[in-house]
Amino acid sequence: MACSPRSLDAAPARAPAPLRRLGVRPDAISGAAFAVGLAAAGAIAAGRLILGLALMGLGQLLDGMDGAMARRYGPGSPAGARLDTQLDRASEAVLFAACGVAGLAPWKLVLLALAAILLMTSIVERSHLDLGVKRVALYFGLWFPYPPIFVVVFAVTLAAYVLGLLR
């Protein structure tokens, strides 16, 4: 069976059905995604980059499932959406900090990228603009040095923040 982009997009939406039958709620999936993100950060900080990125991918898969479950089955709520956003930012913070601990990027760049992400988050509800790819940039560290990756995350996110203010 061929795997198309459309079937990949639908995968997180189909995945929660068995979890729903078990009584798992979207906020529990959000918490599990964050816990996996913590484990990923621990692996990265300990110098096990490949393991950390693999765990980060699992966390991102879970992160996509919580919203899909809430939209498809309920109980989606503004409070649940806020919890998801807060846990996403916390996950990004620990993952980026792990890069600093591991010496993959200077702390100044890590903190600038996080500051831009927090600025963007402060207006996302009003602007409806969220790049949603901050963690994805970390995968590029397999091929490129991390300092320029953090510069790009900072610059692109800060530019999105300014555009969001203008909306």
Foldseek 3Di string as FASTA:
>chain_A
DDDDPVNVVCVLLPVCPVVVVVVDALLVLLVVLLVLLLVLLVCLLVVNNVVSVVSNVVSVSSLSNSVSCCVPPDPDDPVSVVSSVVSVLVSLLSNLVSCCSNVLEPPVLSVLLSVLQVLLVVQCVVQVDDPPCLVVLSVCCVPDRVHVSSVVSNVVSNVSSVVSVVD
